[in-house]
Amino acid sequence: MILKHIQANNKIFAHTYSIIARDPKTGEMGVGVQSHWFSVGSVVSWGEAGIGVVATQSLVNKSFGLRGLEILKQGKSPKEAIEILLSDDDGRDVRQVAILDAQGRVATHTGSKCIKQAGHKVGDNFSVQANLMLSDKVWPAMAEAYEKNNSMSLPERIIKSLEAAESVGGDIRGKQSAALLIVEGETTEEKWEDPTIDLRVEDHLEPLKELSRLLKVYRAYEHMNKGDLAIEKGDMDKALDEYDAAQKMFPENLEMTYWVAVSLANQKKINEAMELFEKVFKKDENWHILTERLPDSELLNVSEEELKKILSLK
């Protein structure tokens, strides 16, 4: 019966460690996961703004993700949701699933036949769970790290918990993929904004390090997006502040450097802008071509003389 149910779920063997968590200050909810399995984030992590998050793993019943969220929408608690999901599942003993709702309630199940070492720990607004680990130190280390780093934003705090798992051995098979999913605490009609963060490292020698790097890139582009919005609204001071914040995080990123230069030029700080334009143009001539086009879109507001001066750089 168990084999039949596994086959029905496409034989997804996502043995892994994960964390589900909620920030009581912001209401944000998230799932972080790493595994020696390709594209673990497409299997384990599920969430919806204002509803909750789900991590479904071990010998995975992938339907638990969407079904779990749907049960929460019906007003059931995470505990009730897990009971309903397992009630008609012949493979319940090989499942591991954790569910957290927008109220911060948490429930977790580790089946009796999950491959050792396997277990979980539920805390205040979070749960950590793992199976097929090198040792039984993994999930306690994850919980300790999450609780200790309570001054961090939720995404960064989740990363710290995953790093703690790896520091005590992690998955007995090694590492391959990782993912981070973040949703808001309030339901949104703007479905295109949900989730707010959805980062995946599908196949990598150091998936957690890469996931951490991607989160930093995401934070930098938050500044870039705010800078774009400021330009759209004609607030050049704000645009410069945001682009500059991004550029300081990744000083070798040409695009970030370029838009700082544009913002400086729009503020009539031509000499400062020229230094950055020159740096960018020397590395990629296409940015020079783009600069010729910006005045037509009113994104570069300089005099003809100033534009010629900028374009004279090669």
Foldseek 3Di string as FASTA:
>chain_A
DQVVLLVVQVQDAFFWKKKWFAQPVFLKIKIKIWGPAFFLLVQAWADAAQFWIKGKHGSGPSVLRVQLSVVSVVVDASVVSVCVVVVPRPNLQRIWMKIATSVLGIDIDHHVPFAPPWDKDDDRRMIITGGQFPHPVQRVQLVVQLVVPSVDDPQVSRLSSVVSNVVVGTHVVATFKIWMWMCGSNHDPPCVCPPVDTDIDRGDNDHSVVSVVVVLLVVLVVLVVQLVVCLVVVNLVSNLVSLVVSCVSPVPDLVSLLSNLQSCQQVVVLVVSLVSLLVNCVVPVVSLVVLVVVVVVVSRDHDPVSSVVSSVRD
